[in-house]
Amino acid sequence: MKSSRMAEKLSATLAALALTAGLGLAGAPPASAAYCGITWGSTEKVVPTHSSALIVDVRSGRHECFDRLVIDTRGAVAGYRVAYTKHVTQPGSGFTVPLRGGARLAVTVLAPAYDDGRATYAPPDRGELVDVRGYSTFRQVALAGSFEGQTTFGLGVRGRLPMRVFVVPGPGAGSRVVVDVAHRW
């Protein structure tokens, strides 16, 4: 009789442990836990609003879970189109912009980099806008061109990885288009 009760208790204990482990309560994260909590995905990100803000600078930064590209504007900008593509092309001509990396992002800000025919953003080297040596994900940042009120950048990355895009107001009357690309899935 004692062995039958012990077997029932053992069976009940094992069932409770299995249920706890199945619910992820045993301390181990579930297998589907996102890297750094990132749930962005890699599909095209679009806000189709044009503006008269002017592109004035491009910067980048490294973070623990992602690399960041920042495009500074003079004036409020809202619109962009960012997508993985086989080739980033120069607007107007369609010529391919060579980029290092296993994948390419076409980053188009719906704002010009010129004002009355004068460049508001004129980097010394259109093929190397910022130094991304040592970055986990970025391999190259290039200016493809500015044409008909929109400016396209080529972002060479290690592979097709999750990315997000958003606009931050400021400083002052300016704004920033931010593109983050995760280090991994």
C-alpha atoms as a PDB file:
ATOM      1  CA  MET A   1       0.000   0.000   0.000  1.00  0.00           C
ATOM      2  CA  LYS A   2       2.858   2.374   0.875  1.00  0.00           C
ATOM      3  CA  SER A   3       4.596   1.722  -2.421  1.00  0.00           C
ATOM      4  CA  SER A   4       1.372   2.456  -4.311  1.00  0.00           C
ATOM      5  CA  ARG A   5       0.994   5.843  -2.539  1.00  0.00           C
ATOM      6  CA  MET A   6       4.666   6.649  -3.129  1.00  0.00           C
ATOM      7  CA  ALA A   7       4.243   5.808  -6.817  1.00  0.00           C
ATOM      8  CA  GLU A   8       1.194   8.118  -7.025  1.00  0.00           C
ATOM      9  CA  LYS A   9       3.080  10.955  -5.285  1.00  0.00           C
ATOM     10  CA  LEU A  10       6.100  10.459  -7.542  1.00  0.00           C
ATOM     11  CA  SER A  11       3.852  10.407 -10.597  1.00  0.00           C
ATOM     12  CA  ALA A  12       2.069  13.600  -9.475  1.00  0.00           C
ATOM     13  CA  THR A  13       5.399  15.328  -8.744  1.00  0.00           C
ATOM     14  CA  LEU A  14       6.812  14.383 -12.153  1.00  0.00           C
ATOM     15  CA  ALA A  15       3.636  15.620 -13.875  1.00  0.00           C
ATOM     16  CA  ALA A  16       3.862  18.962 -12.027  1.00  0.00           C
ATOM     17  CA  LEU A  17       7.528  19.361 -12.992  1.00  0.00           C
ATOM     18  CA  ALA A  18       6.766  18.565 -16.614  1.00  0.00           C
ATOM     19  CA  LEU A  19       3.937  21.124 -16.643  1.00  0.00           C
ATOM     20  CA  THR A  20       6.144  23.774 -15.028  1.00  0.00           C
ATOM     21  CA  ALA A  21       8.947  23.158 -17.538  1.00  0.00           C
ATOM     22  CA  GLY A  22       6.461  23.225 -20.421  1.00  0.00           C
ATOM     23  CA  LEU A  23       5.200  26.634 -19.299  1.00  0.00           C
ATOM     24  CA  GLY A  24       8.727  28.018 -19.174  1.00  0.00           C
ATOM     25  CA  LEU A  25       8.575  28.472 -15.411  1.00  0.00           C
ATOM     26  CA  ALA A  26      11.557  26.259 -14.653  1.00  0.00           C
ATOM     27  CA  GLY A  27      14.007  29.137 -15.239  1.00  0.00           C
ATOM     28  CA  ALA A  28      15.029  28.458 -18.850  1.00  0.00           C
ATOM     29  CA  PRO A  29      13.801  30.941 -21.470  1.00  0.00           C
ATOM     30  CA  PRO A  30      11.402  29.585 -24.079  1.00  0.00           C
ATOM     31  CA  ALA A  31      13.033  28.479 -27.326  1.00  0.00           C
ATOM     32  CA  SER A  32      11.307  31.319 -29.215  1.00  0.00           C
ATOM     33  CA  ALA A  33      12.832  34.124 -27.092  1.00  0.00           C
ATOM     34  CA  ALA A  34      13.926  36.979 -29.369  1.00  0.00           C
ATOM     35  CA  TYR A  35      17.562  38.127 -29.453  1.00  0.00           C
ATOM     36  CA  CYS A  36      17.799  41.174 -27.148  1.00  0.00           C
ATOM     37  CA  GLY A  37      14.007  41.357 -27.266  1.00  0.00           C
ATOM     38  CA  ILE A  38      14.180  42.364 -30.954  1.00  0.00           C
ATOM     39  CA  THR A  39      11.022  41.504 -32.896  1.00  0.00           C
ATOM     40  CA  TRP A  40      11.464  43.857 -35.871  1.00  0.00           C
ATOM     41  CA  GLY A  41      11.612  41.500 -38.842  1.00  0.00           C
ATOM     42  CA  SER A  42      13.269  42.223 -42.164  1.00  0.00           C
ATOM     43  CA  THR A  43      10.389  43.359 -44.361  1.00  0.00           C
ATOM     44  CA  GLU A  44      10.187  46.750 -46.077  1.00  0.00           C
ATOM     45  CA  LYS A  45       9.462  49.742 -43.812  1.00  0.00           C
ATOM     46  CA  VAL A  46       7.610  52.646 -45.474  1.00  0.00           C
ATOM     47  CA  VAL A  47       6.107  55.981 -44.454  1.00  0.00           C
ATOM     48  CA  PRO A  48       5.132  57.670 -47.770  1.00  0.00           C
ATOM     49  CA  THR A  49       5.203  61.314 -46.595  1.00  0.00           C
ATOM     50  CA  HIS A  50       7.412  63.744 -48.555  1.00  0.00           C
ATOM     51  CA  SER A  51       8.891  66.815 -46.888  1.00  0.00           C
ATOM     52  CA  SER A  52      10.982  69.843 -47.731  1.00  0.00           C
ATOM     53  CA  ALA A  53      13.446  69.121 -44.901  1.00  0.00           C
ATOM     54  CA  LEU A  54      17.035  69.029 -46.124  1.00  0.00           C
ATOM     55  CA  ILE A  55      19.524  66.203 -45.537  1.00  0.00           C
ATOM     56  CA  VAL A  56      22.580  67.689 -43.804  1.00  0.00           C
ATOM     57  CA  ASP A  57      24.587  64.821 -42.253  1.00  0.00           C
ATOM     58  CA  VAL A  58      24.941  61.055 -41.819  1.00  0.00           C
ATOM     59  CA  ARG A  59      26.285  59.370 -38.684  1.00  0.00           C
ATOM     60  CA  SER A  60      26.492  55.861 -37.306  1.00  0.00           C
ATOM     61  CA  GLY A  61      26.907  54.116 -33.984  1.00  0.00           C
ATOM     62  CA  ARG A  62      27.397  50.712 -32.434  1.00  0.00           C
ATOM     63  CA  HIS A  63      25.078  49.389 -29.747  1.00  0.00           C
ATOM     64  CA  GLU A  64      25.021  46.153 -27.782  1.00  0.00           C
ATOM     65  CA  CYS A  65      22.343  44.501 -29.946  1.00  0.00           C
ATOM     66  CA  PHE A  66      22.356  46.498 -33.203  1.00  0.00           C
ATOM     67  CA  ASP A  67      24.249  48.953 -35.409  1.00  0.00           C
ATOM     68  CA  ARG A  68      22.618  52.336 -36.024  1.00  0.00           C
ATOM     69  CA  LEU A  69      22.563  54.727 -39.004  1.00  0.00           C
ATOM     70  CA  VAL A  70      21.337  58.287 -38.362  1.00  0.00           C
ATOM     71  CA  ILE A  71      20.428  60.716 -41.147  1.00  0.00           C
ATOM     72  CA  ASP A  72      20.184  64.300 -39.892  1.00  0.00           C
ATOM     73  CA  THR A  73      17.866  66.828 -41.524  1.00  0.00           C
ATOM     74  CA  ARG A  74      17.274  70.543 -41.280  1.00  0.00           C
ATOM     75  CA  GLY A  75      13.517  70.674 -40.832  1.00  0.00           C
ATOM     76  CA  ALA A  76      10.939  68.060 -39.942  1.00  0.00           C
ATOM     77  CA  VAL A  77      11.096  64.887 -42.025  1.00  0.00           C
ATOM     78  CA  ALA A  78       8.583  62.049 -41.816  1.00  0.00           C
ATOM     79  CA  GLY A  79       8.855  59.875 -44.903  1.00  0.00           C
ATOM     80  CA  TYR A  80      11.173  57.025 -45.790  1.00  0.00           C
ATOM     81  CA  ARG A  81      11.366  53.712 -47.583  1.00  0.00           C
ATOM     82  CA  VAL A  82      13.871  51.112 -46.339  1.00  0.00           C
ATOM     83  CA  ALA A  83      14.078  47.653 -47.878  1.00  0.00           C
ATOM     84  CA  TYR A  84      16.469  44.835 -48.569  1.00  0.00           C
ATOM     85  CA  THR A  85      17.255  44.682 -52.259  1.00  0.00           C
ATOM     86  CA  LYS A  86      19.483  42.782 -54.663  1.00  0.00           C
ATOM     87  CA  HIS A  87      21.124  46.045 -55.802  1.00  0.00           C
ATOM     88  CA  VAL A  88      21.000  49.618 -54.540  1.00  0.00           C
ATOM     89  CA  THR A  89      20.783  51.938 -57.537  1.00  0.00           C
ATOM     90  CA  GLN A  90      21.465  55.600 -58.139  1.00  0.00           C
ATOM     91  CA  PRO A  91      18.213  57.524 -58.488  1.00  0.00           C
ATOM     92  CA  GLY A  92      17.729  58.902 -61.975  1.00  0.00           C
ATOM     93  CA  SER A  93      20.448  56.847 -63.704  1.00  0.00           C
ATOM     94  CA  GLY A  94      19.745  53.386 -62.290  1.00  0.00           C
ATOM     95  CA  PHE A  95      23.469  52.607 -62.018  1.00  0.00           C
ATOM     96  CA  THR A  96      24.314  50.043 -59.328  1.00  0.00           C
ATOM     97  CA  VAL A  97      26.030  51.336 -56.184  1.00  0.00           C
ATOM     98  CA  PRO A  98      28.713  48.816 -55.170  1.00  0.00           C
ATOM     99  CA  LEU A  99      28.418  47.790 -51.501  1.00  0.00           C
ATOM    100  CA  ARG A 100      30.325  45.383 -49.293  1.00  0.00           C
ATOM    101  CA  GLY A 101      28.401  42.787 -47.311  1.00  0.00           C
ATOM    102  CA  GLY A 102      26.145  39.800 -47.780  1.00  0.00           C
ATOM    103  CA  ALA A 103      22.975  41.930 -48.036  1.00  0.00           C
ATOM    104  CA  ARG A 104      22.030  45.442 -49.104  1.00  0.00           C
ATOM    105  CA  LEU A 105      19.530  47.918 -47.733  1.00  0.00           C
ATOM    106  CA  ALA A 106      18.221  50.748 -49.885  1.00  0.00           C
ATOM    107  CA  VAL A 107      17.515  53.594 -47.466  1.00  0.00           C
ATOM    108  CA  THR A 108      15.477  56.332 -49.137  1.00  0.00           C
ATOM    109  CA  VAL A 109      14.561  59.447 -47.167  1.00  0.00           C
ATOM    110  CA  LEU A 110      11.725  61.375 -48.779  1.00  0.00           C
ATOM    111  CA  ALA A 111      13.623  64.655 -48.546  1.00  0.00           C
ATOM    112  CA  PRO A 112      16.312  66.254 -50.772  1.00  0.00           C
ATOM    113  CA  ALA A 113      20.022  66.729 -50.110  1.00  0.00           C
ATOM    114  CA  TYR A 114      20.027  69.978 -52.107  1.00  0.00           C
ATOM    115  CA  ASP A 115      18.471  73.430 -51.906  1.00  0.00           C
ATOM    116  CA  ASP A 116      18.061  75.567 -55.032  1.00  0.00           C
ATOM    117  CA  GLY A 117      20.575  73.344 -56.828  1.00  0.00           C
ATOM    118  CA  ARG A 118      23.207  73.557 -54.053  1.00  0.00           C
ATOM    119  CA  ALA A 119      24.110  70.442 -52.077  1.00  0.00           C
ATOM    120  CA  THR A 120      23.154  70.528 -48.407  1.00  0.00           C
ATOM    121  CA  TYR A 121      25.017  67.273 -47.825  1.00  0.00           C
ATOM    122  CA  ALA A 122      28.237  66.818 -49.794  1.00  0.00           C
ATOM    123  CA  PRO A 123      30.468  64.140 -48.238  1.00  0.00           C
ATOM    124  CA  PRO A 124      34.120  63.934 -49.298  1.00  0.00           C
ATOM    125  CA  ASP A 125      33.662  60.270 -50.322  1.00  0.00           C
ATOM    126  CA  ARG A 126      30.180  59.201 -51.481  1.00  0.00           C
ATOM    127  CA  GLY A 127      31.197  55.533 -51.209  1.00  0.00           C
ATOM    128  CA  GLU A 128      32.308  55.689 -47.557  1.00  0.00           C
ATOM    129  CA  LEU A 129      30.063  58.102 -45.663  1.00  0.00           C
ATOM    130  CA  VAL A 130      31.034  56.841 -42.222  1.00  0.00           C
ATOM    131  CA  ASP A 131      33.742  54.535 -40.907  1.00  0.00           C
ATOM    132  CA  VAL A 132      32.045  51.258 -39.973  1.00  0.00           C
ATOM    133  CA  ARG A 133      35.191  49.172 -39.519  1.00  0.00           C
ATOM    134  CA  GLY A 134      34.739  46.924 -36.496  1.00  0.00           C
ATOM    135  CA  TYR A 135      30.932  47.088 -36.557  1.00  0.00           C
ATOM    136  CA  SER A 136      29.078  43.808 -35.980  1.00  0.00           C
ATOM    137  CA  THR A 137      26.547  44.259 -38.794  1.00  0.00           C
ATOM    138  CA  PHE A 138      27.362  47.268 -41.000  1.00  0.00           C
ATOM    139  CA  ARG A 139      29.912  46.831 -43.782  1.00  0.00           C
ATOM    140  CA  GLN A 140      29.545  50.079 -45.778  1.00  0.00           C
ATOM    141  CA  VAL A 141      27.403  53.218 -46.016  1.00  0.00           C
ATOM    142  CA  ALA A 142      27.240  55.009 -49.377  1.00  0.00           C
ATOM    143  CA  LEU A 143      25.302  57.903 -50.887  1.00  0.00           C
ATOM    144  CA  ALA A 144      23.462  56.696 -53.996  1.00  0.00           C
ATOM    145  CA  GLY A 145      22.128  60.163 -54.801  1.00  0.00           C
ATOM    146  CA  SER A 146      19.414  62.747 -54.370  1.00  0.00           C
ATOM    147  CA  PHE A 147      16.864  63.176 -57.130  1.00  0.00           C
ATOM    148  CA  GLU A 148      13.354  64.647 -57.364  1.00  0.00           C
ATOM    149  CA  GLY A 149      13.074  65.413 -53.661  1.00  0.00           C
ATOM    150  CA  GLN A 150      14.289  62.114 -52.271  1.00  0.00           C
ATOM    151  CA  THR A 151      17.713  60.903 -51.191  1.00  0.00           C
ATOM    152  CA  THR A 152      18.907  57.298 -51.361  1.00  0.00           C
ATOM    153  CA  PHE A 153      21.668  55.705 -49.319  1.00  0.00           C
ATOM    154  CA  GLY A 154      23.113  52.228 -49.720  1.00  0.00           C
ATOM    155  CA  LEU A 155      23.764  50.264 -46.552  1.00  0.00           C
ATOM    156  CA  GLY A 156      25.849  47.139 -46.939  1.00  0.00           C
ATOM    157  CA  VAL A 157      25.279  44.710 -44.075  1.00  0.00           C
ATOM    158  CA  ARG A 158      26.634  41.310 -43.050  1.00  0.00           C
ATOM    159  CA  GLY A 159      23.375  39.503 -43.929  1.00  0.00           C
ATOM    160  CA  ARG A 160      19.614  39.963 -44.084  1.00  0.00           C
ATOM    161  CA  LEU A 161      18.888  40.738 -40.442  1.00  0.00           C
ATOM    162  CA  PRO A 162      16.022  42.347 -38.519  1.00  0.00           C
ATOM    163  CA  MET A 163      15.792  46.123 -38.941  1.00  0.00           C
ATOM    164  CA  ARG A 164      13.646  48.995 -37.789  1.00  0.00           C
ATOM    165  CA  VAL A 165      13.244  52.596 -38.919  1.00  0.00           C
ATOM    166  CA  PHE A 166      11.859  55.591 -37.061  1.00  0.00           C
ATOM    167  CA  VAL A 167      12.038  59.388 -36.987  1.00  0.00           C
ATOM    168  CA  VAL A 168      13.203  61.384 -33.955  1.00  0.00           C
ATOM    169  CA  PRO A 169      12.366  65.102 -33.759  1.00  0.00           C
ATOM    170  CA  GLY A 170      15.118  67.608 -32.989  1.00  0.00           C
ATOM    171  CA  PRO A 171      17.449  69.009 -32.245  1.00  0.00           C
ATOM    172  CA  GLY A 172      15.665  72.313 -32.679  1.00  0.00           C
ATOM    173  CA  ALA A 173      13.542  72.341 -35.825  1.00  0.00           C
ATOM    174  CA  GLY A 174      15.510  69.456 -37.333  1.00  0.00           C
ATOM    175  CA  SER A 175      14.871  65.732 -37.176  1.00  0.00           C
ATOM    176  CA  ARG A 176      16.656  62.412 -37.617  1.00  0.00           C
ATOM    177  CA  VAL A 177      15.801  59.279 -39.555  1.00  0.00           C
ATOM    178  CA  VAL A 178      17.165  56.304 -37.627  1.00  0.00           C
ATOM    179  CA  VAL A 179      17.844  52.858 -39.106  1.00  0.00           C
ATOM    180  CA  ASP A 180      18.798  50.068 -36.692  1.00  0.00           C
ATOM    181  CA  VAL A 181      19.978  46.669 -37.941  1.00  0.00           C
ATOM    182  CA  ALA A 182      20.268  43.833 -35.410  1.00  0.00           C
ATOM    183  CA  HIS A 183      23.478  41.878 -34.954  1.00  0.00           C
ATOM    184  CA  ARG A 184      21.581  38.603 -35.332  1.00  0.00           C
ATOM    185  CA  TRP A 185      18.121  37.026 -35.346  1.00  0.00           C
END
